């Protein structure tokens, strides 16, 4: 199984959207500072996650959530 996840920075309130096969481990990776794009915005909390059957559908959903319409939808859901 693959997941699309959204994490929110407790520092600045900004969102990060990604996909992975292990959400909790990925969150730890972000919070430990090992992801260059999120290192300065730690700590994070998971605000949304969605399970997908395969990596292809997870990546498509991730790309949608990164679009204007997807971000608008996220603001309504979160």
Protein backbone atom coordinates (compact mmCIF):
# COMPACT_ATOMS: atom_id res chain seq x y z
CA UNK A 1 0.00 0.00 0.00
CA UNK A 2 1.05 3.55 -0.69
CA UNK A 3 0.00 6.74 1.01
CA UNK A 4 -0.39 10.37 0.08
CA UNK A 5 0.23 12.53 3.12
CA UNK A 6 0.08 16.17 4.09
CA UNK A 7 2.14 17.47 6.97
CA UNK A 8 1.86 20.89 8.55
CA UNK A 9 4.73 22.83 10.03
CA UNK A 10 4.15 23.82 13.64
CA UNK A 11 6.67 26.61 13.08
CA UNK A 12 5.08 28.49 10.17
CA UNK A 13 1.83 26.62 9.44
CA UNK A 14 2.79 25.75 5.86
CA UNK A 15 1.87 22.41 4.28
CA UNK A 16 4.05 19.80 2.61
CA UNK A 17 2.49 17.18 0.34
CA UNK A 18 4.18 13.87 -0.42
CA UNK A 19 3.72 10.15 -0.97
CA UNK A 20 5.32 7.13 0.64
CA UNK A 21 4.77 3.52 1.64
CA UNK A 22 5.39 4.27 5.36
CA UNK A 23 3.80 7.48 6.63
CA UNK A 24 5.01 7.41 10.25
CA UNK A 25 8.59 6.70 9.21
CA UNK A 26 8.44 9.48 6.65
CA UNK A 27 7.20 11.91 9.30
CA UNK A 28 10.15 10.99 11.50
CA UNK A 29 12.45 11.58 8.52
CA UNK A 30 11.00 15.08 8.03
CA UNK A 31 11.19 15.88 11.74
CA UNK A 32 14.79 14.71 12.02
CA UNK A 33 15.89 17.29 9.42
CA UNK A 34 16.90 14.82 6.72
CA UNK A 35 14.66 16.38 4.05
CA UNK A 36 16.31 19.49 2.63
CA UNK A 37 13.06 21.21 1.61
CA UNK A 38 11.50 20.91 5.08
CA UNK A 39 14.55 21.05 7.33
CA UNK A 40 14.09 24.69 8.39
CA UNK A 41 10.34 24.32 9.05
CA UNK A 42 10.41 21.58 11.70
CA UNK A 43 8.53 20.20 13.63
CA UNK A 44 5.68 18.73 11.60
CA UNK A 45 2.42 16.95 12.28
CA UNK A 46 0.31 14.82 9.93
CA UNK A 47 -2.92 16.61 9.03
CA UNK A 48 -4.12 14.35 6.19
CA UNK A 49 -3.32 10.91 4.79
CA UNK A 50 -4.95 8.80 2.13
CA UNK A 51 -4.28 5.16 1.24
CA UNK A 52 -3.80 4.00 -2.36
CA UNK A 53 -3.44 0.54 -3.86
CA UNK A 54 -0.33 1.35 -5.89
CA UNK A 55 2.36 3.97 -6.34
CA UNK A 56 0.93 5.20 -9.64
CA UNK A 57 -2.41 6.23 -8.17
CA UNK A 58 -0.69 7.72 -5.12
CA UNK A 59 1.57 9.87 -7.31
CA UNK A 60 -1.39 11.04 -9.42
CA UNK A 61 -3.24 12.07 -6.28
CA UNK A 62 -0.12 13.78 -4.90
CA UNK A 63 0.21 15.80 -8.12
CA UNK A 64 -3.46 16.78 -7.94
CA UNK A 65 -3.11 17.95 -4.33
CA UNK A 66 -0.14 20.09 -5.36
CA UNK A 67 -2.26 21.82 -8.03
CA UNK A 68 -4.37 24.91 -7.41
CA UNK A 69 -7.62 22.94 -7.28
CA UNK A 70 -6.05 20.34 -5.02
CA UNK A 71 -4.76 22.94 -2.55
CA UNK A 72 -8.18 24.57 -2.51
CA UNK A 73 -9.79 21.19 -1.77
CA UNK A 74 -7.26 20.54 1.02
CA UNK A 75 -8.05 23.86 2.71
CA UNK A 76 -11.72 22.86 2.80
CA UNK A 77 -10.98 19.39 4.19
CA UNK A 78 -8.31 20.22 6.75
